[in-house]
Structures are given as C-alpha cells and as structure tokens.
C-alpha cells in the first residue's frame, strides 16, 4: 500500500511541476509569413526606440550634461559583467575624465556590441567621429547628434 501512495504522490508532484511551468508561457500559432511580419515589426519598433533614446541623450548633451568616465565604466562592468578596463584607459587618454552624455551613450553601446558608426565611414562621418567628445574642439562642437550622423551618411 505504501508504494501505491508513493507513486500517486510522485505523479501528482510531477504533474504540478509540468503545469506550473506551462501556465507562465504563451503559445501563439501563426504561419511563417505572419512570423516574418511580426519579426519585421519588432525590428522596426526596436529601431524607433533606439532613435528616441539617442535623441534623449543628444538633448541632454546639448543642455551641457556630462558623464564621468570612471563612473560610466563602473556601471558598465557591474551591469554587463564585462571587463572594460583597457577600453576605459583608451577613453580617458582620448576624451579626458568627463565626456558629453551622448558620447558616453555611444561608447557604452559600442562596448555592449551595438554599432553607432558605419563600418566604412565616409569623410563626413569620420569628421563627426573626430569631433565627438574631443577636447580639442570647443564644447559646443563636441556634441554630435544623431541627425548630424544621418546627414553625414547621406552625403
């Protein structure tokens, strides 16, 4: 009799575990074309969100908000778990200890694997790369906004 109840309780526990895992999932049945359209929609929405986020940091940089390089890299290492010490030294050598908010955002995205610049930039985009957060330029010219980058790519 013990084995009977042991098997019943074991099956009940296994059933409960399977059911509890299943109730937190969502299954959507769709055709391949619908799935492709859905993925395309997600990609477009992701680009729109990225552009809005870049516009926000551009606005903050135009207001004069800056970011400490050491604090930025501490945050990156804490959140991503990546060791970015060598890259931090390069940023400190080239930009100094404080950089505009949008430059910090571009550097962070680059470390995390997102491309902010073209692989083969033209002369106009390359000049914007030189200007971006560079202490050799006056403060108002160090801020490069997304619209300038898009215009440079079109040229």
Protein backbone atom coordinates (compact mmCIF):
# COMPACT_ATOMS: atom_id res chain seq x y z
CA UNK A 1 0.00 0.00 0.00
CA UNK A 2 2.91 2.35 0.74
CA UNK A 3 4.23 2.05 -2.82
CA UNK A 4 0.83 2.83 -4.28
CA UNK A 5 0.57 6.15 -2.40
CA UNK A 6 4.24 6.90 -3.09
CA UNK A 7 3.64 6.55 -6.87
CA UNK A 8 0.43 8.62 -6.70
CA UNK A 9 2.12 11.45 -4.80
CA UNK A 10 5.16 11.35 -7.13
CA UNK A 11 2.93 11.57 -10.21
CA UNK A 12 0.98 14.42 -8.63
CA UNK A 13 4.19 16.35 -7.92
CA UNK A 14 5.48 15.78 -11.46
CA UNK A 15 2.12 16.89 -12.89
CA UNK A 16 2.13 20.01 -10.73
CA UNK A 17 5.70 20.90 -11.81
CA UNK A 18 4.82 20.50 -15.51
CA UNK A 19 1.60 22.50 -15.13
CA UNK A 20 3.29 25.30 -13.17
CA UNK A 21 5.96 25.68 -15.86
CA UNK A 22 3.32 25.71 -18.57
CA UNK A 23 0.97 28.30 -17.14
CA UNK A 24 3.64 31.04 -17.41
CA UNK A 25 4.10 30.52 -21.16
CA UNK A 26 2.18 31.74 -24.16
CA UNK A 27 1.83 29.79 -27.36
CA UNK A 28 0.83 31.64 -30.50
CA UNK A 29 0.06 29.73 -33.65
CA UNK A 30 0.87 31.62 -36.82
CA UNK A 31 2.07 30.99 -40.33
CA UNK A 32 5.65 31.53 -41.45
CA UNK A 33 4.63 34.74 -43.24
CA UNK A 34 2.93 36.06 -40.12
CA UNK A 35 6.01 35.24 -38.05
CA UNK A 36 8.25 37.03 -40.56
CA UNK A 37 5.98 40.10 -40.50
CA UNK A 38 5.94 40.02 -36.70
CA UNK A 39 9.75 39.87 -36.53
CA UNK A 40 10.00 42.73 -39.05
CA UNK A 41 7.59 44.79 -36.93
CA UNK A 42 9.67 44.09 -33.80
CA UNK A 43 12.83 45.18 -35.66
CA UNK A 44 11.23 48.45 -36.74
CA UNK A 45 9.95 49.16 -33.23
CA UNK A 46 13.40 48.42 -31.81
CA UNK A 47 14.97 50.95 -34.21
CA UNK A 48 12.38 53.58 -33.27
CA UNK A 49 13.10 53.05 -29.56
CA UNK A 50 16.87 53.28 -30.18
CA UNK A 51 16.40 56.55 -32.11
CA UNK A 52 14.25 58.03 -29.34
CA UNK A 53 16.81 57.01 -26.73
CA UNK A 54 19.60 58.60 -28.78
CA UNK A 55 17.54 61.79 -29.17
CA UNK A 56 17.11 61.95 -25.39
CA UNK A 57 20.86 61.67 -24.71
CA UNK A 58 21.55 64.15 -27.54
CA UNK A 59 19.17 66.62 -25.88
CA UNK A 60 20.87 66.12 -22.51
CA UNK A 61 24.30 66.65 -24.08
CA UNK A 62 23.11 69.84 -25.78
CA UNK A 63 21.97 71.09 -22.34
CA UNK A 64 25.55 70.55 -21.16
CA UNK A 65 25.12 67.36 -19.13
CA UNK A 66 28.29 65.29 -18.87
CA UNK A 67 29.25 61.85 -17.56
CA UNK A 68 32.25 60.80 -15.51
CA UNK A 69 34.22 58.17 -17.44
CA UNK A 70 35.17 56.16 -14.37
CA UNK A 71 31.57 56.04 -13.09
CA UNK A 72 30.33 55.07 -16.54
CA UNK A 73 32.75 52.14 -16.77
CA UNK A 74 31.95 51.00 -13.23
CA UNK A 75 28.27 50.89 -14.24
CA UNK A 76 29.05 49.02 -17.48
CA UNK A 77 31.17 46.43 -15.68
CA UNK A 78 28.57 45.97 -12.93
CA UNK A 79 25.66 45.53 -15.34
CA UNK A 80 27.27 43.53 -18.13
CA UNK A 81 29.99 41.67 -16.27
CA UNK A 82 32.49 42.60 -18.99
CA UNK A 83 35.97 43.75 -18.07
CA UNK A 84 36.31 47.09 -19.87
CA UNK A 85 39.41 48.39 -18.05
CA UNK A 86 41.60 48.62 -21.17
CA UNK A 87 38.86 50.41 -23.06
CA UNK A 88 38.40 52.80 -20.13
CA UNK A 89 42.09 53.74 -20.28
CA UNK A 90 41.76 54.44 -24.01
CA UNK A 91 38.71 56.66 -23.41
CA UNK A 92 40.49 58.54 -20.60
CA UNK A 93 43.51 59.17 -22.86
CA UNK A 94 41.43 60.36 -25.82
CA UNK A 95 38.49 62.12 -24.16
CA UNK A 96 39.52 63.05 -20.63
CA UNK A 97 37.71 62.30 -17.37
CA UNK A 98 34.36 63.88 -18.28
CA UNK A 99 32.52 63.46 -21.61
CA UNK A 100 29.17 64.63 -23.03
CA UNK A 101 26.17 62.40 -22.28
CA UNK A 102 25.64 61.32 -25.89
CA UNK A 103 29.31 60.40 -26.35
CA UNK A 104 29.11 58.26 -23.23
CA UNK A 105 25.99 56.59 -24.64
CA UNK A 106 27.72 55.82 -27.96
CA UNK A 107 30.76 54.38 -26.17
CA UNK A 108 28.56 52.24 -23.93
CA UNK A 109 26.59 50.91 -26.90
CA UNK A 110 29.83 50.10 -28.71
CA UNK A 111 31.15 48.13 -25.70
CA UNK A 112 27.87 46.22 -25.46
CA UNK A 113 28.07 45.31 -29.15
CA UNK A 114 25.78 47.84 -30.86
CA UNK A 115 27.17 49.78 -33.79
CA UNK A 116 26.73 53.52 -33.66
CA UNK A 117 29.05 54.32 -36.56
CA UNK A 118 29.39 52.79 -40.02
CA UNK A 119 32.00 50.11 -40.64
CA UNK A 120 33.43 52.16 -43.50
CA UNK A 121 32.61 55.80 -42.74
CA UNK A 122 32.94 58.45 -45.39
CA UNK A 123 34.87 61.67 -44.84
CA UNK A 124 31.88 63.49 -43.29
CA UNK A 125 31.08 60.72 -40.81
CA UNK A 126 34.80 60.33 -40.00
CA UNK A 127 34.98 64.04 -39.13
CA UNK A 128 31.99 63.63 -36.81
CA UNK A 129 33.81 60.73 -35.14
CA UNK A 130 36.80 63.00 -34.57
CA UNK A 131 34.60 65.77 -33.15
CA UNK A 132 32.51 63.52 -30.87
CA UNK A 133 33.52 64.43 -27.30
CA UNK A 134 37.01 65.51 -28.39
CA UNK A 135 38.51 68.12 -26.02
CA UNK A 136 40.40 69.66 -28.97
CA UNK A 137 37.11 71.12 -30.20
CA UNK A 138 35.14 73.87 -28.43
CA UNK A 139 32.48 72.49 -26.04
CA UNK A 140 29.57 73.31 -28.36
CA UNK A 141 31.21 71.36 -31.24
CA UNK A 142 31.98 68.25 -29.14
CA UNK A 143 28.33 67.24 -29.12
CA UNK A 144 27.41 65.22 -32.24
CA UNK A 145 23.71 64.43 -32.53
CA UNK A 146 22.03 61.55 -34.37
CA UNK A 147 20.67 63.87 -37.08
CA UNK A 148 24.22 65.00 -37.95
CA UNK A 149 25.32 61.39 -38.25
CA UNK A 150 22.40 60.55 -40.54
CA UNK A 151 23.11 63.62 -42.71
CA UNK A 152 26.79 62.68 -42.95
CA UNK A 153 25.88 59.15 -44.09
CA UNK A 154 23.62 60.58 -46.79
CA UNK A 155 26.44 62.81 -48.09
